[in-house]
Protein backbone atom coordinates (compact mmCIF):
# COMPACT_ATOMS: atom_id res chain seq x y z
CA UNK A 1 240.45 -72.47 259.78
CA UNK A 2 237.57 -70.46 258.50
CA UNK A 3 236.67 -69.58 254.87
CA UNK A 4 234.31 -70.33 252.17
CA UNK A 5 235.12 -74.35 252.49
CA UNK A 6 231.94 -75.41 253.58
CA UNK A 7 229.68 -73.18 250.96
CA UNK A 8 231.75 -74.59 248.21
CA UNK A 9 231.28 -78.02 249.60
CA UNK A 10 227.53 -77.59 249.66
CA UNK A 11 227.26 -76.04 246.32
CA UNK A 12 229.63 -78.36 244.30
CA UNK A 13 227.17 -81.27 243.96
CA UNK A 14 224.52 -78.93 242.86
CA UNK A 15 226.85 -77.60 240.02
CA UNK A 16 227.33 -81.09 239.11
CA UNK A 17 223.51 -81.88 238.87
CA UNK A 18 223.07 -78.91 236.52
CA UNK A 19 226.17 -80.19 234.39
CA UNK A 20 224.67 -83.50 234.01
CA UNK A 21 221.47 -81.79 232.84
CA UNK A 22 223.07 -80.57 229.99
CA UNK A 23 224.75 -83.36 228.64
CA UNK A 24 223.46 -85.06 225.27
CA UNK A 25 220.40 -87.12 225.59
CA UNK A 26 221.56 -90.82 225.23
CA UNK A 27 225.22 -90.31 226.60
CA UNK A 28 224.26 -92.44 229.48
CA UNK A 29 228.01 -93.78 230.06
CA UNK A 30 229.42 -90.23 229.92
CA UNK A 31 226.38 -89.34 232.54
CA UNK A 32 227.59 -92.07 234.71
CA UNK A 33 231.33 -91.21 234.75
CA UNK A 34 230.65 -87.44 234.99
CA UNK A 35 228.72 -88.18 238.21
CA UNK A 36 231.16 -90.44 239.67
CA UNK A 37 234.07 -88.18 238.95
CA UNK A 38 232.20 -85.09 240.30
CA UNK A 39 231.51 -87.13 243.57
CA UNK A 40 235.16 -88.14 243.91
CA UNK A 41 236.07 -84.27 243.85
CA UNK A 42 233.52 -83.69 246.58
CA UNK A 43 235.36 -86.73 248.38
CA UNK A 44 238.52 -85.04 247.95
CA UNK A 45 237.63 -81.82 249.37
CA UNK A 46 236.03 -83.46 252.39
CA UNK A 47 239.30 -85.30 252.82
CA UNK A 48 240.97 -81.86 252.79
CA UNK A 49 238.48 -80.26 255.35
CA UNK A 50 238.73 -83.38 257.82
CA UNK A 51 242.50 -82.96 257.69
CA UNK A 52 242.24 -79.28 258.64
CA UNK A 53 239.80 -80.01 261.46
CA UNK A 54 241.25 -79.72 265.00
CA UNK A 55 239.50 -81.96 267.64
CA UNK A 56 240.91 -79.85 270.41
CA UNK A 57 240.22 -76.19 268.77
CA UNK A 58 236.91 -74.41 268.71
CA UNK A 59 233.82 -76.41 268.82
CA UNK A 60 232.45 -75.09 265.48
CA UNK A 61 235.25 -74.85 262.62
CA UNK A 62 235.52 -73.91 259.06
CA UNK A 63 233.09 -71.16 259.99
CA UNK A 64 231.71 -68.69 257.44
CA UNK A 65 228.58 -66.42 257.57
CA UNK A 66 226.72 -64.49 254.79
CA UNK A 67 223.84 -62.05 254.76
CA UNK A 68 220.46 -63.84 253.56
CA UNK A 69 217.30 -62.26 254.86
CA UNK A 70 218.19 -59.72 257.42
CA UNK A 71 214.65 -58.45 258.00
CA UNK A 72 213.93 -62.01 259.25
CA UNK A 73 216.90 -62.45 261.38
CA UNK A 74 218.39 -65.55 259.33
CA UNK A 75 221.86 -65.85 257.67
CA UNK A 76 223.70 -68.40 255.60
CA UNK A 77 225.46 -69.59 258.60
CA UNK A 78 228.12 -72.54 258.24
CA UNK A 79 230.37 -74.52 260.39
CA UNK A 80 230.98 -78.05 261.62
CA UNK A 81 231.75 -79.61 265.07
CA UNK A 82 233.17 -83.26 265.62
CA UNK A 83 229.41 -84.73 264.87
CA UNK A 84 228.93 -83.02 261.76
CA UNK A 85 232.32 -83.62 260.32
CA UNK A 86 232.11 -87.62 260.53
CA UNK A 87 228.66 -87.30 258.87
CA UNK A 88 230.21 -85.47 256.30
CA UNK A 89 232.82 -87.99 255.74
CA UNK A 90 230.14 -90.71 255.56
CA UNK A 91 228.43 -88.72 252.94
CA UNK A 92 231.44 -88.35 250.90
CA UNK A 93 232.55 -91.91 251.18
CA UNK A 94 229.13 -93.37 250.56
CA UNK A 95 227.93 -91.33 247.48
CA UNK A 96 230.58 -92.47 244.79
CA UNK A 97 230.08 -96.12 246.14
CA UNK A 98 226.36 -95.89 245.54
CA UNK A 99 226.52 -94.24 242.22
CA UNK A 100 229.03 -97.03 240.91
CA UNK A 101 226.40 -99.59 242.50
CA UNK A 102 223.75 -98.11 240.42
CA UNK A 103 225.64 -98.25 237.42
CA UNK A 104 223.17 -100.79 235.64
CA UNK A 105 220.13 -100.12 237.89
CA UNK A 106 219.81 -96.51 236.91
CA UNK A 107 219.13 -97.02 233.49
CA UNK A 108 216.83 -99.92 233.60
CA UNK A 109 213.79 -99.43 231.22
CA UNK A 110 212.99 -96.15 229.67
CA UNK A 111 214.06 -94.31 232.76
CA UNK A 112 216.75 -91.36 232.35
CA UNK A 113 220.20 -92.09 233.42
CA UNK A 114 221.38 -88.41 233.62
CA UNK A 115 218.21 -87.56 235.65
CA UNK A 116 218.99 -90.55 238.17
CA UNK A 117 222.22 -89.28 238.95
CA UNK A 118 221.52 -85.29 238.90
CA UNK A 119 219.04 -86.47 241.77
CA UNK A 120 221.66 -88.23 243.59
CA UNK A 121 224.22 -85.25 243.38
CA UNK A 122 221.12 -82.89 244.44
CA UNK A 123 220.40 -85.17 247.37
CA UNK A 124 224.10 -85.22 248.36
CA UNK A 125 224.19 -81.25 248.27
CA UNK A 126 220.98 -81.46 250.47
CA UNK A 127 222.55 -83.65 253.04
CA UNK A 128 225.69 -81.74 253.39
CA UNK A 129 223.82 -78.51 253.75
CA UNK A 130 221.62 -80.19 256.74
CA UNK A 131 224.92 -80.90 258.51
CA UNK A 132 226.98 -77.80 257.84
CA UNK A 133 224.14 -75.25 258.66
CA UNK A 134 224.47 -73.37 261.74
CA UNK A 135 221.44 -71.31 261.44
CA UNK A 136 218.07 -72.95 262.54
CA UNK A 137 216.08 -71.57 259.46
CA UNK A 138 218.82 -72.32 257.16
CA UNK A 139 218.81 -75.82 258.44
CA UNK A 140 215.23 -76.11 258.17
CA UNK A 141 215.35 -75.09 254.62
CA UNK A 142 217.80 -78.10 253.91
CA UNK A 143 215.60 -80.61 256.01
CA UNK A 144 212.83 -79.92 253.85
CA UNK A 145 214.42 -79.52 250.40
CA UNK A 146 216.29 -83.13 250.84
CA UNK A 147 212.71 -84.68 250.56
CA UNK A 148 212.35 -83.64 246.90
CA UNK A 149 215.28 -85.72 245.11
CA UNK A 150 214.40 -88.53 247.57
CA UNK A 151 210.96 -88.60 246.60
CA UNK A 152 211.71 -88.66 242.68
CA UNK A 153 214.39 -91.36 243.41
CA UNK A 154 211.93 -93.68 245.13
CA UNK A 155 208.69 -92.79 242.77
CA UNK A 156 210.49 -92.87 239.61
CA UNK A 157 213.08 -95.61 239.89
CA UNK A 158 211.77 -97.94 242.67
CA UNK A 159 210.08 -101.22 242.74
CA UNK A 160 206.33 -101.96 241.98
CA UNK A 161 204.89 -100.25 244.85
CA UNK A 162 207.16 -97.12 244.47
CA UNK A 163 204.72 -94.40 244.33
CA UNK A 164 202.81 -95.74 247.12
CA UNK A 165 206.19 -95.74 249.10
CA UNK A 166 207.29 -92.42 247.81
CA UNK A 167 204.14 -90.51 248.71
CA UNK A 168 204.08 -92.06 252.30
CA UNK A 169 207.88 -91.27 252.66
CA UNK A 170 207.06 -87.53 251.64
CA UNK A 171 203.60 -87.10 253.65
CA UNK A 172 205.41 -88.66 256.95
CA UNK A 173 208.54 -86.26 256.63
CA UNK A 174 206.45 -83.37 255.70
CA UNK A 175 204.06 -83.52 258.52
CA UNK A 176 207.20 -83.64 260.97
CA UNK A 177 208.67 -80.81 259.08
CA UNK A 178 205.79 -78.79 259.65
CA UNK A 179 206.05 -79.55 263.58
CA UNK A 180 209.48 -78.34 263.32
CA UNK A 181 208.39 -75.21 261.27
CA UNK A 182 205.85 -74.31 264.02
CA UNK A 183 208.74 -74.52 266.49
CA UNK A 184 211.05 -72.51 264.36
CA UNK A 185 208.71 -69.74 264.34
CA UNK A 186 208.02 -70.33 268.16
CA UNK A 187 211.95 -70.02 268.80
CA UNK A 188 212.13 -66.50 266.64
CA UNK A 189 209.23 -65.24 268.62
CA UNK A 190 210.88 -66.32 272.13
CA UNK A 191 214.02 -64.98 270.94
CA UNK A 192 212.53 -61.61 270.19
CA UNK A 193 211.15 -61.16 273.49
CA UNK A 194 214.42 -62.75 275.46
CA UNK A 195 217.17 -61.01 273.22
CA UNK A 196 215.59 -58.05 271.91
CA UNK A 197 215.64 -59.19 268.24
CA UNK A 198 214.12 -62.27 266.62
CA UNK A 199 217.21 -64.66 265.51
CA UNK A 200 217.80 -68.09 264.42
CA UNK A 201 221.76 -68.02 264.90
CA UNK A 202 222.75 -71.36 266.92
CA UNK A 203 225.28 -69.58 269.34
CA UNK A 204 222.87 -66.82 270.29
CA UNK A 205 219.84 -69.21 270.70
CA UNK A 206 221.88 -71.62 272.86
CA UNK A 207 222.67 -69.35 275.65
CA UNK A 208 218.61 -67.96 275.87
CA UNK A 209 216.73 -68.19 278.65
CA UNK A 210 213.11 -69.27 278.18
CA UNK A 211 210.50 -70.07 280.19
CA UNK A 212 209.79 -74.02 281.01
CA UNK A 213 206.51 -74.20 279.15
CA UNK A 214 207.76 -72.75 276.06
CA UNK A 215 210.78 -74.62 275.93
CA UNK A 216 209.08 -77.77 276.31
CA UNK A 217 206.39 -77.15 273.73
CA UNK A 218 209.14 -76.02 271.17
CA UNK A 219 211.47 -78.97 272.21
CA UNK A 220 208.15 -81.27 271.04
CA UNK A 221 208.03 -79.59 267.75
CA UNK A 222 211.86 -80.40 266.97
CA UNK A 223 211.50 -83.99 268.58
CA UNK A 224 208.68 -85.09 266.23
CA UNK A 225 210.35 -83.87 263.12
CA UNK A 226 213.52 -85.66 264.17
CA UNK A 227 211.71 -88.68 265.48
CA UNK A 228 210.07 -89.14 262.11
CA UNK A 229 213.27 -88.82 260.20
CA UNK A 230 215.32 -90.98 262.59
CA UNK A 231 212.75 -93.04 262.46
CA UNK A 232 212.05 -93.70 266.18
CA UNK A 233 209.25 -95.78 267.18
CA UNK A 234 206.17 -95.20 266.62
CA UNK A 235 207.08 -92.90 263.76
CA UNK A 236 208.99 -95.51 261.96
CA UNK A 237 206.20 -96.97 259.51
CA UNK A 238 207.40 -95.16 256.51
CA UNK A 239 210.83 -96.48 256.41
CA UNK A 240 209.97 -100.33 255.50
CA UNK A 241 208.16 -99.22 252.58
CA UNK A 242 210.38 -96.57 251.41
CA UNK A 243 213.75 -98.82 252.02
CA UNK A 244 211.77 -101.82 250.35
CA UNK A 245 210.73 -99.97 247.42
CA UNK A 246 213.76 -97.62 246.60
CA UNK A 247 216.44 -98.47 244.24
CA UNK A 248 219.50 -99.93 246.13
CA UNK A 249 221.64 -96.85 245.64
CA UNK A 250 218.75 -94.64 247.07
CA UNK A 251 218.16 -97.06 249.83
CA UNK A 252 221.66 -96.91 250.87
CA UNK A 253 221.69 -93.32 251.16
CA UNK A 254 218.35 -93.37 252.95
CA UNK A 255 219.01 -95.56 255.56
CA UNK A 256 223.05 -94.72 255.52
CA UNK A 257 222.78 -91.03 255.76
CA UNK A 258 219.27 -89.19 255.68
CA UNK A 259 217.83 -91.06 258.60
CA UNK A 260 220.82 -89.90 260.47
CA UNK A 261 219.56 -86.16 260.37
CA UNK A 262 217.08 -87.28 262.83
CA UNK A 263 219.43 -88.35 265.38
CA UNK A 264 221.91 -85.46 264.68
CA UNK A 265 218.99 -83.24 265.01
CA UNK A 266 218.41 -84.53 268.86
CA UNK A 267 222.20 -83.58 269.44
CA UNK A 268 222.41 -80.33 267.62
CA UNK A 269 219.24 -78.73 268.29
CA UNK A 270 217.14 -80.47 271.25
CA UNK A 271 219.75 -80.88 273.79
CA UNK A 272 221.50 -77.52 273.48
CA UNK A 273 218.69 -75.15 272.80
CA UNK A 274 216.15 -77.04 275.41
CA UNK A 275 218.41 -78.44 278.34
CA UNK A 276 215.50 -78.50 280.63
CA UNK A 277 212.99 -79.97 278.20
CA UNK A 278 215.48 -82.54 277.17
CA UNK A 279 216.01 -83.71 280.86
CA UNK A 280 212.39 -83.75 281.45
CA UNK A 281 211.47 -85.99 278.20
CA UNK A 282 214.55 -88.08 278.37
CA UNK A 283 212.77 -91.08 280.28
CA UNK A 284 210.08 -91.05 277.57
CA UNK A 285 212.60 -91.23 274.70
CA UNK A 286 214.61 -94.17 276.31
CA UNK A 287 211.40 -96.00 276.74
CA UNK A 288 210.47 -95.32 272.83
CA UNK A 289 213.96 -96.33 272.03
CA UNK A 290 213.93 -99.58 274.14
CA UNK A 291 210.38 -100.55 272.41
CA UNK A 292 212.10 -99.76 269.03
CA UNK A 293 214.97 -102.08 269.54
CA UNK A 294 212.70 -104.99 270.63
CA UNK A 295 209.50 -104.31 268.51
CA UNK A 296 211.54 -103.60 265.19
CA UNK A 297 213.80 -106.67 265.88
CA UNK A 298 210.78 -109.11 266.14
CA UNK A 299 209.14 -107.78 262.91
CA UNK A 300 212.47 -108.28 261.32
CA UNK A 301 212.17 -111.83 262.07
CA UNK A 302 208.80 -112.09 260.53
CA UNK A 303 209.93 -110.45 257.30
CA UNK A 304 210.00 -112.52 253.87
CA UNK A 305 211.38 -109.51 251.76
CA UNK A 306 215.07 -109.03 252.30
CA UNK A 307 215.12 -105.54 251.75
CA UNK A 308 212.19 -104.81 254.35
CA UNK A 309 214.05 -106.90 256.70
CA UNK A 310 217.13 -104.67 256.62
CA UNK A 311 214.89 -101.82 256.86
CA UNK A 312 213.53 -103.07 259.94
CA UNK A 313 216.95 -103.73 261.53
CA UNK A 314 217.58 -99.97 261.13
CA UNK A 315 214.57 -99.04 263.14
CA UNK A 316 215.93 -101.14 265.78
CA UNK A 317 219.37 -99.87 265.37
CA UNK A 318 218.09 -96.32 265.82
CA UNK A 319 216.43 -97.27 268.98
CA UNK A 320 219.99 -97.84 270.14
CA UNK A 321 221.23 -94.40 268.89
CA UNK A 322 218.30 -92.63 270.71
CA UNK A 323 218.68 -94.34 274.10
CA UNK A 324 222.45 -93.55 273.71
CA UNK A 325 221.79 -89.73 273.09
CA UNK A 326 219.26 -89.40 275.82
CA UNK A 327 221.39 -91.41 278.55
CA UNK A 328 223.42 -88.02 278.84
CA UNK A 329 226.59 -89.97 279.52
CA UNK A 330 229.93 -89.31 277.59
CA UNK A 331 229.85 -93.13 276.47
CA UNK A 332 226.50 -93.12 275.55
CA UNK A 333 226.74 -89.90 273.44
CA UNK A 334 229.86 -90.85 271.72
CA UNK A 335 228.63 -94.51 271.20
CA UNK A 336 225.38 -92.98 269.85
CA UNK A 337 227.46 -90.63 267.39
CA UNK A 338 229.76 -93.46 266.38
CA UNK A 339 226.90 -95.83 265.83
CA UNK A 340 225.57 -93.47 263.38
CA UNK A 341 228.65 -93.61 261.33
CA UNK A 342 228.75 -97.50 261.58
CA UNK A 343 225.40 -98.10 260.93
CA UNK A 344 225.74 -96.12 257.59
CA UNK A 345 228.67 -98.20 256.72
CA UNK A 346 227.41 -101.71 257.71
CA UNK A 347 223.63 -101.33 256.91
CA UNK A 348 224.72 -99.63 253.52
CA UNK A 349 227.01 -102.61 252.87
CA UNK A 350 224.28 -105.02 253.51
CA UNK A 351 222.01 -103.31 251.42
CA UNK A 352 224.39 -103.50 248.68
CA UNK A 353 225.07 -107.13 248.96
CA UNK A 354 221.31 -107.82 249.02
CA UNK A 355 221.21 -105.73 245.85
CA UNK A 356 223.92 -108.09 244.33
CA UNK A 357 221.85 -111.15 245.05
CA UNK A 358 218.57 -109.40 243.53
CA UNK A 359 220.22 -108.23 240.31
CA UNK A 360 221.09 -112.03 239.87
CA UNK A 361 217.71 -113.70 241.00
CA UNK A 362 215.26 -110.83 240.32
CA UNK A 363 213.46 -111.47 243.36
CA UNK A 364 213.53 -109.63 246.67
CA UNK A 365 211.92 -112.75 248.52
CA UNK A 366 214.13 -114.92 250.88
CA UNK A 367 212.18 -117.90 249.77
CA UNK A 368 213.31 -117.41 246.38
CA UNK A 369 216.87 -118.23 247.52
CA UNK A 370 218.33 -121.06 249.27
CA UNK A 371 221.84 -122.85 248.97
CA UNK A 372 223.20 -119.82 246.73
CA UNK A 373 226.33 -119.58 248.88
CA UNK A 374 228.20 -122.41 246.95
CA UNK A 375 227.31 -120.43 243.53
CA UNK A 376 228.65 -117.15 244.71
CA UNK A 377 231.00 -117.63 247.43
CA UNK A 378 232.73 -114.26 247.23
CA UNK A 379 229.36 -112.61 247.59
CA UNK A 380 228.62 -115.06 250.37
CA UNK A 381 231.60 -114.02 252.23
CA UNK A 382 230.34 -110.31 251.69
CA UNK A 383 226.89 -111.10 253.01
CA UNK A 384 228.36 -112.86 256.12
CA UNK A 385 230.82 -110.20 257.15
CA UNK A 386 228.16 -107.33 256.76
CA UNK A 387 225.69 -109.62 258.50
CA UNK A 388 227.64 -110.08 261.46
CA UNK A 389 228.37 -106.16 261.53
CA UNK A 390 224.59 -105.68 261.45
CA UNK A 391 224.30 -107.86 264.49
CA UNK A 392 227.42 -106.13 266.19
CA UNK A 393 229.64 -109.07 266.33
CA UNK A 394 233.25 -108.05 268.09
CA UNK A 395 235.86 -107.05 265.55
CA UNK A 396 233.27 -105.32 263.54
CA UNK A 397 232.44 -101.46 263.65
CA UNK A 398 229.03 -101.83 264.92
CA UNK A 399 230.27 -103.73 268.16
CA UNK A 400 232.45 -100.75 269.37
CA UNK A 401 229.43 -98.35 269.09
CA UNK A 402 226.82 -100.57 270.48
CA UNK A 403 229.13 -101.63 273.45
CA UNK A 404 229.69 -97.94 274.31
CA UNK A 405 225.92 -96.99 274.16
CA UNK A 406 225.05 -99.80 276.43
CA UNK A 407 227.75 -98.94 278.93
CA UNK A 408 226.87 -95.44 278.92
CA UNK A 409 222.95 -96.33 279.41
CA UNK A 410 223.85 -98.99 282.06
CA UNK A 411 225.75 -96.58 284.06
CA UNK A 412 222.78 -94.01 284.01
CA UNK A 413 219.84 -96.43 284.18
CA UNK A 414 220.68 -100.12 284.75
CA UNK A 415 217.41 -101.36 283.98
CA UNK A 416 217.00 -99.79 280.70
CA UNK A 417 220.55 -101.08 279.78
CA UNK A 418 219.60 -104.63 280.49
CA UNK A 419 216.30 -104.49 278.78
CA UNK A 420 218.20 -103.13 275.58
CA UNK A 421 220.63 -105.67 275.78
CA UNK A 422 218.20 -108.34 274.80
CA UNK A 423 218.03 -106.38 271.40
CA UNK A 424 221.21 -108.08 270.72
CA UNK A 425 219.94 -111.75 271.15
CA UNK A 426 217.12 -111.13 268.74
CA UNK A 427 219.23 -109.53 266.33
CA UNK A 428 221.28 -112.69 266.03
CA UNK A 429 218.21 -114.12 265.23
CA UNK A 430 216.99 -112.34 262.27
CA UNK A 431 220.44 -111.79 260.68
CA UNK A 432 221.49 -115.56 261.17
CA UNK A 433 218.09 -116.68 259.83
CA UNK A 434 218.40 -114.55 256.78
CA UNK A 435 221.88 -115.98 255.91
CA UNK A 436 221.09 -119.50 256.43
CA UNK A 437 217.78 -119.33 254.58
CA UNK A 438 219.47 -117.63 251.35
CA UNK A 439 222.92 -119.20 251.37
CA UNK A 440 222.94 -122.60 253.18
CA UNK A 441 221.01 -126.01 252.60
CA UNK A 442 220.09 -127.47 249.44
CA UNK A 443 219.77 -125.50 246.19
CA UNK A 444 216.19 -123.84 245.92
CA UNK A 445 214.56 -126.16 242.93
CA UNK A 446 213.16 -123.04 241.36
CA UNK A 447 216.75 -121.86 240.36
CA UNK A 448 217.19 -124.88 238.14
CA UNK A 449 219.57 -127.87 238.42
CA UNK A 450 222.56 -125.93 237.41
CA UNK A 451 222.01 -122.16 237.63
CA UNK A 452 224.96 -120.37 236.13
CA UNK A 453 225.32 -117.12 238.54
CA UNK A 454 228.04 -114.84 238.19
CA UNK A 455 230.02 -114.30 241.37
CA UNK A 456 231.13 -110.95 242.33
CA UNK A 457 232.22 -108.75 239.40
CA UNK A 458 235.17 -106.28 239.11
CA UNK A 459 232.72 -103.49 239.49
CA UNK A 460 231.00 -105.09 242.53
CA UNK A 461 234.22 -105.64 244.29
CA UNK A 462 234.99 -102.03 243.88
CA UNK A 463 231.72 -101.15 245.45
CA UNK A 464 231.87 -103.46 248.25
CA UNK A 465 235.57 -103.64 249.41
CA UNK A 466 235.92 -100.26 250.74
CA UNK A 467 233.08 -100.84 253.00
CA UNK A 468 234.25 -104.17 254.04
CA UNK A 469 237.69 -102.43 255.03
CA UNK A 470 235.75 -99.82 257.05
CA UNK A 471 233.74 -102.40 258.94
CA UNK A 472 236.89 -104.40 259.88
CA UNK A 473 239.35 -101.38 260.38
CA UNK A 474 236.86 -99.43 262.51
CA UNK A 475 236.14 -102.56 264.32
CA UNK A 476 239.49 -103.10 265.36
CA UNK A 477 240.63 -99.21 265.70
CA UNK A 478 237.91 -96.64 266.27
CA UNK A 479 240.13 -94.18 267.85
CA UNK A 480 240.53 -91.80 265.22
CA UNK A 481 236.60 -91.25 264.97
CA UNK A 482 236.35 -91.01 268.78
CA UNK A 483 238.89 -88.44 269.12
CA UNK A 484 237.01 -86.15 266.76
CA UNK A 485 233.38 -87.15 268.44
CA UNK A 486 234.33 -86.99 272.04
CA UNK A 487 234.98 -83.45 272.21
CA UNK A 488 231.80 -82.37 270.57
CA UNK A 489 229.82 -84.84 272.79
CA UNK A 490 231.21 -83.45 275.92
CA UNK A 491 230.33 -79.85 274.64
CA UNK A 492 226.75 -80.90 274.19
CA UNK A 493 226.67 -82.65 277.83
CA UNK A 494 227.82 -79.17 279.18
CA UNK A 495 225.06 -77.58 277.30
CA UNK A 496 222.42 -79.76 278.70
CA UNK A 497 223.76 -79.63 282.23
CA UNK A 498 224.93 -83.19 282.73
CA UNK A 499 228.08 -84.91 283.71
CA UNK A 500 228.66 -88.68 283.77
CA UNK A 501 227.31 -90.11 286.83
CA UNK A 502 229.59 -91.30 289.66
CA UNK A 503 229.91 -94.98 290.59
CA UNK A 504 227.77 -94.23 293.67
CA UNK A 505 224.74 -93.27 291.42
CA UNK A 506 224.68 -96.32 289.59
CA UNK A 507 223.13 -98.19 292.82
CA UNK A 508 220.32 -95.50 292.82
CA UNK A 509 219.40 -96.03 289.04
CA UNK A 510 218.46 -92.87 287.15
CA UNK A 511 218.84 -89.59 288.77
């Protein structure tokens, strides 16, 4: 099923951003309604694309290509495989939810509501562009472009330290992007030498032979850019600041979707384009992933700020995704992709519930809460479910993906699998500690003797209910997503020249 479906899907949010810019000044409610309505149109179009995707069909579907810069060998190539499709679905679901969640937050003080929602739609367009581009240079353009709306969302609408967090986020991502730019240029030079003409087309580059040294150097450039974006240890330090200072809606998109571009890049570009280099560097990535799991989990335990704690949990979760990708097994790869989706849902929901609490108390510090579960029982229930999903309790969506990752890693490298499992134990500590300190025990004296807190409002219920349904639904029945993900993961393993290990290999460890 080809045609201009994906170009339309990419451009549609940008058109919405322009429409918002021309609305009358002061028409804040109209701007919010237009933005949410526009994102729902994007959701409907995404559902149509998902319904037309054939998991057993061609690897890339909804393909279309347009001339862009012929002299530079780059085109506007669009297409989705199963991995990109589930990420498009995640973007389409989360965007209207975070817009509704930002109903009051976006207009705080003298900040422009129209600009806030325009930036959200522009960010949505950039994220869609990253996942549907199948030309390397076209992908790079979207990769860098999505920094701009997020920079302004953090820097203009964030917390007290927003300027510092926005600049740090921008610089880290920009430097990482420069590494990728160098590799993109290197890839063009190598393709000109090996294929007779320089090209950025994924299908041509995937079958290209290149020297071992060139492949490893170019692989490193892509890896650094994606490791910063993921974020993978030790490139992660920008996330706690950005996640802690960003407004709740932007923070959900930051940790729910934007970060996945890094692990998506591993799967789309590092593995298929540089199979030898991927096999060579895989042990290093797995070590970094395991360090990230344990290190970030320990730092999360020591956090006093709820938003920073949730941000550190994301660093630990990305360690799981990375080791699943580089385990080179079907279960590990499928688990990693499923984890990308489930992490976006579960951590996004956790961020939103934390936002509900902050909106009532006006503080992000855990010590400013205590015993509030009895004041807001419905919020407490949502907090508990999202917290359990974050620590991957059975019957929640994260459990399935984390289990698949650990099985996949264990079948390739039992030692790495055992050490990574320790992260589950530590995760239970920081999640339960946060819930216990905020929701249980005597009422915090600083709240007064009889604080009148409003429980979950109707708008907040519409925000959190779809995510809770997905957390439980995908925890019980993840098959629809895995049916789409598995063929794409198997194709990627074929590209990298790896097959699932036979049982006799387990005894020998990583081979």
